[in-house]
Structure formats: C-alpha cells, structure tokens
mmCIF file of all heavy atoms, coordinates in Angstrom:
data_MODEL
# 
_entry.id   MODEL 
# 
loop_
_atom_site.group_PDB 
_atom_site.id 
_atom_site.type_symbol 
_atom_site.label_atom_id 
_atom_site.label_alt_id 
_atom_site.label_comp_id 
_atom_site.label_asym_id 
_atom_site.label_entity_id 
_atom_site.label_seq_id 
_atom_site.pdbx_PDB_ins_code 
_atom_site.Cartn_x 
_atom_site.Cartn_y 
_atom_site.Cartn_z 
_atom_site.occupancy 
_atom_site.B_iso_or_equiv 
_atom_site.pdbx_formal_charge 
_atom_site.auth_seq_id 
_atom_site.auth_comp_id 
_atom_site.auth_asym_id 
_atom_site.auth_atom_id 
_atom_site.pdbx_PDB_model_num 
ATOM 1   N N   . LYS A 1 1  ? -102.947 218.266 -96.132  1.00 0.00 ? 1  LYS A N   1 
ATOM 2   C CA  . LYS A 1 1  ? -102.525 219.058 -94.969  1.00 0.00 ? 1  LYS A CA  1 
ATOM 3   C C   . LYS A 1 1  ? -101.334 218.436 -94.231  1.00 0.00 ? 1  LYS A C   1 
ATOM 4   O O   . LYS A 1 1  ? -101.285 218.391 -93.008  1.00 0.00 ? 1  LYS A O   1 
ATOM 5   C CB  . LYS A 1 1  ? -103.698 219.234 -93.991  1.00 0.00 ? 1  LYS A CB  1 
ATOM 6   C CG  . LYS A 1 1  ? -104.954 219.815 -94.623  1.00 0.00 ? 1  LYS A CG  1 
ATOM 7   C CD  . LYS A 1 1  ? -104.704 221.191 -95.213  1.00 0.00 ? 1  LYS A CD  1 
ATOM 8   C CE  . LYS A 1 1  ? -105.992 221.773 -95.799  1.00 0.00 ? 1  LYS A CE  1 
ATOM 9   N NZ  . LYS A 1 1  ? -105.763 223.079 -96.459  1.00 0.00 ? 1  LYS A NZ  1 
ATOM 10  N N   . LYS A 1 2  ? -100.393 217.907 -95.014  1.00 0.00 ? 2  LYS A N   1 
ATOM 11  C CA  . LYS A 1 2  ? -99.154  217.328 -94.481  1.00 0.00 ? 2  LYS A CA  1 
ATOM 12  C C   . LYS A 1 2  ? -99.403  216.173 -93.503  1.00 0.00 ? 2  LYS A C   1 
ATOM 13  O O   . LYS A 1 2  ? -98.657  215.986 -92.536  1.00 0.00 ? 2  LYS A O   1 
ATOM 14  C CB  . LYS A 1 2  ? -98.294  218.399 -93.821  1.00 0.00 ? 2  LYS A CB  1 
ATOM 15  C CG  . LYS A 1 2  ? -97.780  219.446 -94.795  1.00 0.00 ? 2  LYS A CG  1 
ATOM 16  C CD  . LYS A 1 2  ? -96.719  220.341 -94.190  1.00 0.00 ? 2  LYS A CD  1 
ATOM 17  C CE  . LYS A 1 2  ? -96.143  221.285 -95.227  1.00 0.00 ? 2  LYS A CE  1 
ATOM 18  N NZ  . LYS A 1 2  ? -95.077  222.147 -94.700  1.00 0.00 ? 2  LYS A NZ  1 
ATOM 19  N N   . SER A 1 3  ? -100.414 215.390 -93.795  1.00 0.00 ? 3  SER A N   1 
ATOM 20  C CA  . SER A 1 3  ? -100.702 214.191 -92.996  1.00 0.00 ? 3  SER A CA  1 
ATOM 21  C C   . SER A 1 3  ? -100.072 212.978 -93.685  1.00 0.00 ? 3  SER A C   1 
ATOM 22  O O   . SER A 1 3  ? -100.515 212.567 -94.769  1.00 0.00 ? 3  SER A O   1 
ATOM 23  C CB  . SER A 1 3  ? -102.207 213.982 -92.848  1.00 0.00 ? 3  SER A CB  1 
ATOM 24  O OG  . SER A 1 3  ? -102.495 212.724 -92.278  1.00 0.00 ? 3  SER A OG  1 
ATOM 25  N N   . SER A 1 4  ? -99.047  212.405 -93.080  1.00 0.00 ? 4  SER A N   1 
ATOM 26  C CA  . SER A 1 4  ? -98.354  211.259 -93.684  1.00 0.00 ? 4  SER A CA  1 
ATOM 27  C C   . SER A 1 4  ? -99.255  210.031 -93.755  1.00 0.00 ? 4  SER A C   1 
ATOM 28  O O   . SER A 1 4  ? -99.185  209.250 -94.707  1.00 0.00 ? 4  SER A O   1 
ATOM 29  C CB  . SER A 1 4  ? -97.094  210.943 -92.882  1.00 0.00 ? 4  SER A CB  1 
ATOM 30  O OG  . SER A 1 4  ? -96.189  212.019 -92.923  1.00 0.00 ? 4  SER A OG  1 
ATOM 31  N N   . SER A 1 5  ? -100.106 209.832 -92.739  1.00 0.00 ? 5  SER A N   1 
ATOM 32  C CA  . SER A 1 5  ? -101.005 208.677 -92.756  1.00 0.00 ? 5  SER A CA  1 
ATOM 33  C C   . SER A 1 5  ? -102.026 208.802 -93.886  1.00 0.00 ? 5  SER A C   1 
ATOM 34  O O   . SER A 1 5  ? -102.341 207.816 -94.564  1.00 0.00 ? 5  SER A O   1 
ATOM 35  C CB  . SER A 1 5  ? -101.720 208.544 -91.415  1.00 0.00 ? 5  SER A CB  1 
ATOM 36  O OG  . SER A 1 5  ? -102.482 209.704 -91.130  1.00 0.00 ? 5  SER A OG  1 
ATOM 37  N N   . ASN A 1 6  ? -102.529 210.020 -94.123  1.00 0.00 ? 6  ASN A N   1 
ATOM 38  C CA  . ASN A 1 6  ? -103.463 210.221 -95.234  1.00 0.00 ? 6  ASN A CA  1 
ATOM 39  C C   . ASN A 1 6  ? -102.761 210.046 -96.582  1.00 0.00 ? 6  ASN A C   1 
ATOM 40  O O   . ASN A 1 6  ? -103.373 209.602 -97.555  1.00 0.00 ? 6  ASN A O   1 
ATOM 41  C CB  . ASN A 1 6  ? -104.089 211.613 -95.153  1.00 0.00 ? 6  ASN A CB  1 
ATOM 42  C CG  . ASN A 1 6  ? -105.110 211.729 -94.038  1.00 0.00 ? 6  ASN A CG  1 
ATOM 43  O OD1 . ASN A 1 6  ? -105.620 210.717 -93.542  1.00 0.00 ? 6  ASN A OD1 1 
ATOM 44  N ND2 . ASN A 1 6  ? -105.410 212.947 -93.622  1.00 0.00 ? 6  ASN A ND2 1 
ATOM 45  N N   . LEU A 1 7  ? -101.489 210.423 -96.632  1.00 0.00 ? 7  LEU A N   1 
ATOM 46  C CA  . LEU A 1 7  ? -100.728 210.214 -97.864  1.00 0.00 ? 7  LEU A CA  1 
ATOM 47  C C   . LEU A 1 7  ? -100.633 208.727 -98.182  1.00 0.00 ? 7  LEU A C   1 
ATOM 48  O O   . LEU A 1 7  ? -100.819 208.314 -99.331  1.00 0.00 ? 7  LEU A O   1 
ATOM 49  C CB  . LEU A 1 7  ? -99.328  210.818 -97.729  1.00 0.00 ? 7  LEU A CB  1 
ATOM 50  C CG  . LEU A 1 7  ? -98.375  210.557 -98.905  1.00 0.00 ? 7  LEU A CG  1 
ATOM 51  C CD1 . LEU A 1 7  ? -98.900  211.188 -100.186 1.00 0.00 ? 7  LEU A CD1 1 
ATOM 52  C CD2 . LEU A 1 7  ? -96.975  211.075 -98.593  1.00 0.00 ? 7  LEU A CD2 1 
ATOM 53  N N   . LEU A 1 8  ? -100.342 207.911 -97.173  1.00 0.00 ? 8  LEU A N   1 
ATOM 54  C CA  . LEU A 1 8  ? -100.261 206.463 -97.392  1.00 0.00 ? 8  LEU A CA  1 
ATOM 55  C C   . LEU A 1 8  ? -101.611 205.897 -97.843  1.00 0.00 ? 8  LEU A C   1 
ATOM 56  O O   . LEU A 1 8  ? -101.667 205.014 -98.706  1.00 0.00 ? 8  LEU A O   1 
ATOM 57  C CB  . LEU A 1 8  ? -99.800  205.775 -96.109  1.00 0.00 ? 8  LEU A CB  1 
ATOM 58  C CG  . LEU A 1 8  ? -98.324  205.978 -95.743  1.00 0.00 ? 8  LEU A CG  1 
ATOM 59  C CD1 . LEU A 1 8  ? -98.042  205.459 -94.344  1.00 0.00 ? 8  LEU A CD1 1 
ATOM 60  C CD2 . LEU A 1 8  ? -97.418  205.278 -96.756  1.00 0.00 ? 8  LEU A CD2 1 
ATOM 61  N N   . LEU A 1 9  ? -102.700 206.413 -97.274  1.00 0.00 ? 9  LEU A N   1 
ATOM 62  C CA  . LEU A 1 9  ? -104.030 205.959 -97.684  1.00 0.00 ? 9  LEU A CA  1 
ATOM 63  C C   . LEU A 1 9  ? -104.310 206.368 -99.132  1.00 0.00 ? 9  LEU A C   1 
ATOM 64  O O   . LEU A 1 9  ? -104.889 205.589 -99.913  1.00 0.00 ? 9  LEU A O   1 
ATOM 65  C CB  . LEU A 1 9  ? -105.090 206.541 -96.753  1.00 0.00 ? 9  LEU A CB  1 
ATOM 66  C CG  . LEU A 1 9  ? -106.532 206.074 -96.997  1.00 0.00 ? 9  LEU A CG  1 
ATOM 67  C CD1 . LEU A 1 9  ? -106.641 204.563 -96.826  1.00 0.00 ? 9  LEU A CD1 1 
ATOM 68  C CD2 . LEU A 1 9  ? -107.490 206.797 -96.060  1.00 0.00 ? 9  LEU A CD2 1 
ATOM 69  N N   . PHE A 1 10 ? -103.868 207.560 -99.498  1.00 0.00 ? 10 PHE A N   1 
ATOM 70  C CA  . PHE A 1 10 ? -104.033 208.014 -100.883 1.00 0.00 ? 10 PHE A CA  1 
ATOM 71  C C   . PHE A 1 10 ? -103.252 207.118 -101.846 1.00 0.00 ? 10 PHE A C   1 
ATOM 72  O O   . PHE A 1 10 ? -103.746 206.763 -102.927 1.00 0.00 ? 10 PHE A O   1 
ATOM 73  C CB  . PHE A 1 10 ? -103.551 209.462 -101.010 1.00 0.00 ? 10 PHE A CB  1 
ATOM 74  C CG  . PHE A 1 10 ? -103.485 209.960 -102.427 1.00 0.00 ? 10 PHE A CG  1 
ATOM 75  C CD1 . PHE A 1 10 ? -104.623 210.369 -103.098 1.00 0.00 ? 10 PHE A CD1 1 
ATOM 76  C CD2 . PHE A 1 10 ? -102.265 210.007 -103.108 1.00 0.00 ? 10 PHE A CD2 1 
ATOM 77  C CE1 . PHE A 1 10 ? -104.558 210.819 -104.409 1.00 0.00 ? 10 PHE A CE1 1 
ATOM 78  C CE2 . PHE A 1 10 ? -102.194 210.451 -104.414 1.00 0.00 ? 10 PHE A CE2 1 
ATOM 79  C CZ  . PHE A 1 10 ? -103.340 210.863 -105.069 1.00 0.00 ? 10 PHE A CZ  1 
ATOM 80  N N   . LEU A 1 11 ? -102.042 206.750 -101.456 1.00 0.00 ? 11 LEU A N   1 
ATOM 81  C CA  . LEU A 1 11 ? -101.238 205.866 -102.306 1.00 0.00 ? 11 LEU A CA  1 
ATOM 82  C C   . LEU A 1 11 ? -101.880 204.491 -102.436 1.00 0.00 ? 11 LEU A C   1 
ATOM 83  O O   . LEU A 1 11 ? -101.796 203.863 -103.497 1.00 0.00 ? 11 LEU A O   1 
ATOM 84  C CB  . LEU A 1 11 ? -99.825  205.738 -101.730 1.00 0.00 ? 11 LEU A CB  1 
ATOM 85  C CG  . LEU A 1 11 ? -98.978  207.017 -101.692 1.00 0.00 ? 11 LEU A CG  1 
ATOM 86  C CD1 . LEU A 1 11 ? -97.648  206.750 -101.008 1.00 0.00 ? 11 LEU A CD1 1 
ATOM 87  C CD2 . LEU A 1 11 ? -98.755  207.567 -103.092 1.00 0.00 ? 11 LEU A CD2 1 
ATOM 88  N N   . ALA A 1 12 ? -102.511 204.020 -101.373 1.00 0.00 ? 12 ALA A N   1 
ATOM 89  C CA  . ALA A 1 12 ? -103.121 202.682 -101.387 1.00 0.00 ? 12 ALA A CA  1 
ATOM 90  C C   . ALA A 1 12 ? -104.404 202.637 -102.206 1.00 0.00 ? 12 ALA A C   1 
ATOM 91  O O   . ALA A 1 12 ? -104.736 201.594 -102.784 1.00 0.00 ? 12 ALA A O   1 
ATOM 92  C CB  . ALA A 1 12 ? -103.397 202.224 -99.957  1.00 0.00 ? 12 ALA A CB  1 
ATOM 93  N N   . LEU A 1 13 ? -105.140 203.751 -102.258 1.00 0.00 ? 13 LEU A N   1 
ATOM 94  C CA  . LEU A 1 13 ? -106.434 203.757 -102.938 1.00 0.00 ? 13 LEU A CA  1 
ATOM 95  C C   . LEU A 1 13 ? -106.428 204.606 -104.212 1.00 0.00 ? 13 LEU A C   1 
ATOM 96  O O   . LEU A 1 13 ? -106.966 204.187 -105.242 1.00 0.00 ? 13 LEU A O   1 
ATOM 97  C CB  . LEU A 1 13 ? -107.524 204.281 -101.988 1.00 0.00 ? 13 LEU A CB  1 
ATOM 98  C CG  . LEU A 1 13 ? -107.741 203.479 -100.702 1.00 0.00 ? 13 LEU A CG  1 
ATOM 99  C CD1 . LEU A 1 13 ? -108.823 204.135 -99.853  1.00 0.00 ? 13 LEU A CD1 1 
ATOM 100 C CD2 . LEU A 1 13 ? -108.109 202.041 -101.012 1.00 0.00 ? 13 LEU A CD2 1 
ATOM 101 N N   . GLY A 1 14 ? -105.824 205.777 -104.151 1.00 0.00 ? 14 GLY A N   1 
ATOM 102 C CA  . GLY A 1 14 ? -105.873 206.692 -105.287 1.00 0.00 ? 14 GLY A CA  1 
ATOM 103 C C   . GLY A 1 14 ? -105.070 206.225 -106.487 1.00 0.00 ? 14 GLY A C   1 
ATOM 104 O O   . GLY A 1 14 ? -105.560 206.293 -107.631 1.00 0.00 ? 14 GLY A O   1 
ATOM 105 N N   . ILE A 1 15 ? -103.859 205.732 -106.246 1.00 0.00 ? 15 ILE A N   1 
ATOM 106 C CA  . ILE A 1 15 ? -103.013 205.281 -107.360 1.00 0.00 ? 15 ILE A CA  1 
ATOM 107 C C   . ILE A 1 15 ? -103.630 204.077 -108.084 1.00 0.00 ? 15 ILE A C   1 
ATOM 108 O O   . ILE A 1 15 ? -103.696 204.071 -109.321 1.00 0.00 ? 15 ILE A O   1 
ATOM 109 C CB  . ILE A 1 15 ? -101.586 204.938 -106.863 1.00 0.00 ? 15 ILE A CB  1 
ATOM 110 C CG1 . ILE A 1 15 ? -100.933 206.172 -106.238 1.00 0.00 ? 15 ILE A CG1 1 
ATOM 111 C CG2 . ILE A 1 15 ? -100.732 204.415 -108.005 1.00 0.00 ? 15 ILE A CG2 1 
ATOM 112 C CD1 . ILE A 1 15 ? -100.847 207.361 -107.153 1.00 0.00 ? 15 ILE A CD1 1 
ATOM 113 N N   . PRO A 1 16 ? -104.102 203.041 -107.376 1.00 0.00 ? 16 PRO A N   1 
ATOM 114 C CA  . PRO A 1 16 ? -104.773 201.940 -108.088 1.00 0.00 ? 16 PRO A CA  1 
ATOM 115 C C   . PRO A 1 16 ? -105.986 202.395 -108.887 1.00 0.00 ? 16 PRO A C   1 
ATOM 116 O O   . PRO A 1 16 ? -106.221 201.912 -110.000 1.00 0.00 ? 16 PRO A O   1 
ATOM 117 C CB  . PRO A 1 16 ? -105.175 200.991 -106.954 1.00 0.00 ? 16 PRO A CB  1 
ATOM 118 C CG  . PRO A 1 16 ? -104.177 201.250 -105.884 1.00 0.00 ? 16 PRO A CG  1 
ATOM 119 C CD  . PRO A 1 16 ? -103.913 202.723 -105.950 1.00 0.00 ? 16 PRO A CD  1 
ATOM 120 N N   . ALA A 1 17 ? -106.774 203.332 -108.341 1.00 0.00 ? 17 ALA A N   1 
ATOM 121 C CA  . ALA A 1 17 ? -107.935 203.829 -109.072 1.00 0.00 ? 17 ALA A CA  1 
ATOM 122 C C   . ALA A 1 17 ? -107.507 204.521 -110.366 1.00 0.00 ? 17 ALA A C   1 
ATOM 123 O O   . ALA A 1 17 ? -108.136 204.340 -111.425 1.00 0.00 ? 17 ALA A O   1 
ATOM 124 C CB  . ALA A 1 17 ? -108.726 204.798 -108.190 1.00 0.00 ? 17 ALA A CB  1 
ATOM 125 N N   . LEU A 1 18 ? -106.433 205.300 -110.305 1.00 0.00 ? 18 LEU A N   1 
ATOM 126 C CA  . LEU A 1 18 ? -105.919 205.976 -111.492 1.00 0.00 ? 18 LEU A CA  1 
ATOM 127 C C   . LEU A 1 18 ? -105.444 204.971 -112.540 1.00 0.00 ? 18 LEU A C   1 
ATOM 128 O O   . LEU A 1 18 ? -105.728 205.112 -113.736 1.00 0.00 ? 18 LEU A O   1 
ATOM 129 C CB  . LEU A 1 18 ? -104.781 206.907 -111.098 1.00 0.00 ? 18 LEU A CB  1 
ATOM 130 C CG  . LEU A 1 18 ? -104.070 207.651 -112.235 1.00 0.00 ? 18 LEU A CG  1 
ATOM 131 C CD1 . LEU A 1 18 ? -105.038 208.562 -112.966 1.00 0.00 ? 18 LEU A CD1 1 
ATOM 132 C CD2 . LEU A 1 18 ? -102.889 208.456 -111.696 1.00 0.00 ? 18 LEU A CD2 1 
ATOM 133 N N   . SER A 1 19 ? -104.740 203.947 -112.097 1.00 0.00 ? 19 SER A N   1 
ATOM 134 C CA  . SER A 1 19 ? -104.243 202.925 -113.027 1.00 0.00 ? 19 SER A CA  1 
ATOM 135 C C   . SER A 1 19 ? -105.390 202.189 -113.707 1.00 0.00 ? 19 SER A C   1 
ATOM 136 O O   . SER A 1 19 ? -105.358 201.943 -114.921 1.00 0.00 ? 19 SER A O   1 
ATOM 137 C CB  . SER A 1 19 ? -103.347 201.934 -112.282 1.00 0.00 ? 19 SER A CB  1 
ATOM 138 O OG  . SER A 1 19 ? -102.957 200.880 -113.134 1.00 0.00 ? 19 SER A OG  1 
ATOM 139 N N   . LEU A 1 20 ? -106.411 201.849 -112.938 1.00 0.00 ? 20 LEU A N   1 
ATOM 140 C CA  . LEU A 1 20 ? -107.569 201.156 -113.517 1.00 0.00 ? 20 LEU A CA  1 
ATOM 141 C C   . LEU A 1 20 ? -108.257 202.025 -114.567 1.00 0.00 ? 20 LEU A C   1 
ATOM 142 O O   . LEU A 1 20 ? -108.743 201.518 -115.587 1.00 0.00 ? 20 LEU A O   1 
ATOM 143 C CB  . LEU A 1 20 ? -108.556 200.781 -112.411 1.00 0.00 ? 20 LEU A CB  1 
ATOM 144 C CG  . LEU A 1 20 ? -108.117 199.663 -111.452 1.00 0.00 ? 20 LEU A CG  1 
ATOM 145 C CD1 . LEU A 1 20 ? -109.108 199.522 -110.308 1.00 0.00 ? 20 LEU A CD1 1 
ATOM 146 C CD2 . LEU A 1 20 ? -107.969 198.336 -112.196 1.00 0.00 ? 20 LEU A CD2 1 
ATOM 147 N N   . ALA A 1 21 ? -108.296 203.336 -114.331 1.00 0.00 ? 21 ALA A N   1 
ATOM 148 C CA  . ALA A 1 21 ? -108.945 204.243 -115.278 1.00 0.00 ? 21 ALA A CA  1 
ATOM 149 C C   . ALA A 1 21 ? -108.139 204.390 -116.574 1.00 0.00 ? 21 ALA A C   1 
ATOM 150 O O   . ALA A 1 21 ? -108.719 204.609 -117.645 1.00 0.00 ? 21 ALA A O   1 
ATOM 151 C CB  . ALA A 1 21 ? -109.138 205.612 -114.630 1.00 0.00 ? 21 ALA A CB  1 
ATOM 152 N N   . MET A 1 22 ? -106.817 204.241 -116.500 1.00 0.00 ? 22 MET A N   1 
ATOM 153 C CA  . MET A 1 22 ? -105.956 204.486 -117.657 1.00 0.00 ? 22 MET A CA  1 
ATOM 154 C C   . MET A 1 22 ? -105.632 203.231 -118.459 1.00 0.00 ? 22 MET A C   1 
ATOM 155 O O   . MET A 1 22 ? -105.220 203.339 -119.618 1.00 0.00 ? 22 MET A O   1 
ATOM 156 C CB  . MET A 1 22 ? -104.649 205.136 -117.203 1.00 0.00 ? 22 MET A CB  1 
ATOM 157 C CG  . MET A 1 22 ? -104.780 206.537 -116.616 1.00 0.00 ? 22 MET A CG  1 
ATOM 158 S SD  . MET A 1 22 ? -105.365 207.769 -117.807 1.00 0.00 ? 22 MET A SD  1 
ATOM 159 C CE  . MET A 1 22 ? -107.035 208.039 -117.177 1.00 0.00 ? 22 MET A CE  1 
ATOM 160 N N   . MET A 1 23 ? -105.771 202.056 -117.874 1.00 0.00 ? 23 MET A N   1 
ATOM 161 C CA  . MET A 1 23 ? -105.224 200.858 -118.523 1.00 0.00 ? 23 MET A CA  1 
ATOM 162 C C   . MET A 1 23 ? -105.872 200.552 -119.872 1.00 0.00 ? 23 MET A C   1 
ATOM 163 O O   . MET A 1 23 ? -105.236 199.964 -120.744 1.00 0.00 ? 23 MET A O   1 
ATOM 164 C CB  . MET A 1 23 ? -105.311 199.644 -117.589 1.00 0.00 ? 23 MET A CB  1 
ATOM 165 C CG  . MET A 1 23 ? -106.695 199.179 -117.248 1.00 0.00 ? 23 MET A CG  1 
ATOM 166 S SD  . MET A 1 23 ? -106.659 197.617 -116.315 1.00 0.00 ? 23 MET A SD  1 
ATOM 167 C CE  . MET A 1 23 ? -105.607 198.025 -114.929 1.00 0.00 ? 23 MET A CE  1 
ATOM 168 N N   . TYR A 1 24 ? -107.112 200.961 -120.078 1.00 0.00 ? 24 TYR A N   1 
ATOM 169 C CA  . TYR A 1 24 ? -107.760 200.692 -121.363 1.00 0.00 ? 24 TYR A CA  1 
ATOM 170 C C   . TYR A 1 24 ? -107.082 201.451 -122.501 1.00 0.00 ? 24 TYR A C   1 
ATOM 171 O O   . TYR A 1 24 ? -107.048 200.991 -123.647 1.00 0.00 ? 24 TYR A O   1 
ATOM 172 C CB  . TYR A 1 24 ? -109.237 201.075 -121.289 1.00 0.00 ? 24 TYR A CB  1 
ATOM 173 C CG  . TYR A 1 24 ? -109.943 201.049 -122.630 1.00 0.00 ? 24 TYR A CG  1 
ATOM 174 C CD1 . TYR A 1 24 ? -110.314 199.837 -123.219 1.00 0.00 ? 24 TYR A CD1 1 
ATOM 175 C CD2 . TYR A 1 24 ? -110.190 202.226 -123.337 1.00 0.00 ? 24 TYR A CD2 1 
ATOM 176 C CE1 . TYR A 1 24 ? -110.943 199.811 -124.465 1.00 0.00 ? 24 TYR A CE1 1 
ATOM 177 C CE2 . TYR A 1 24 ? -110.808 202.212 -124.567 1.00 0.00 ? 24 TYR A CE2 1 
ATOM 178 C CZ  . TYR A 1 24 ? -111.186 201.007 -125.131 1.00 0.00 ? 24 TYR A CZ  1 
ATOM 179 O OH  . TYR A 1 24 ? -111.791 200.986 -126.357 1.00 0.00 ? 24 TYR A OH  1 
ATOM 180 N N   . PHE A 1 25 ? -106.541 202.626 -122.192 1.00 0.00 ? 25 PHE A N   1 
ATOM 181 C CA  . PHE A 1 25 ? -106.024 203.512 -123.237 1.00 0.00 ? 25 PHE A CA  1 
ATOM 182 C C   . PHE A 1 25 ? -104.562 203.242 -123.586 1.00 0.00 ? 25 PHE A C   1 
ATOM 183 O O   . PHE A 1 25 ? -104.075 203.733 -124.605 1.00 0.00 ? 25 PHE A O   1 
ATOM 184 C CB  . PHE A 1 25 ? -106.166 204.973 -122.788 1.00 0.00 ? 25 PHE A CB  1 
ATOM 185 C CG  . PHE A 1 25 ? -107.584 205.357 -122.480 1.00 0.00 ? 25 PHE A CG  1 
ATOM 186 C CD1 . PHE A 1 25 ? -108.024 205.429 -121.166 1.00 0.00 ? 25 PHE A CD1 1 
ATOM 187 C CD2 . PHE A 1 25 ? -108.486 205.623 -123.491 1.00 0.00 ? 25 PHE A CD2 1 
ATOM 188 C CE1 . PHE A 1 25 ? -109.331 205.781 -120.869 1.00 0.00 ? 25 PHE A CE1 1 
ATOM 189 C CE2 . PHE A 1 25 ? -109.796 205.977 -123.216 1.00 0.00 ? 25 PHE A CE2 1 
ATOM 190 C CZ  . PHE A 1 25 ? -110.217 206.055 -121.895 1.00 0.00 ? 25 PHE A CZ  1 
ATOM 191 N N   . VAL A 1 26 ? -103.856 202.499 -122.743 1.00 0.00 ? 26 VAL A N   1 
ATOM 192 C CA  . VAL A 1 26 ? -102.446 202.197 -123.012 1.00 0.00 ? 26 VAL A CA  1 
ATOM 193 C C   . VAL A 1 26 ? -102.376 200.882 -123.788 1.00 0.00 ? 26 VAL A C   1 
ATOM 194 O O   . VAL A 1 26 ? -102.531 199.801 -123.223 1.00 0.00 ? 26 VAL A O   1 
ATOM 195 C CB  . VAL A 1 26 ? -101.638 202.086 -121.700 1.00 0.00 ? 26 VAL A CB  1 
ATOM 196 C CG1 . VAL A 1 26 ? -100.176 201.758 -122.009 1.00 0.00 ? 26 VAL A CG1 1 
ATOM 197 C CG2 . VAL A 1 26 ? -101.730 203.375 -120.910 1.00 0.00 ? 26 VAL A CG2 1 
# 
C-alpha cells in the first residue's frame, strides 16, 4: 500500500529469506 517503511522491512527480511530458499539449487 505504498508504505516506504514496510518496503524497507520487506527488503530486510523477505529478500534474505528468498536467497536462503534458493541457494541449494544454484
């Protein structure tokens, strides 16, 4: 909903979680 603070929180938590999920397959 165009919340910049929530975007930063997503980048801090969501991106690392995605990387951890993918690293086995690369």
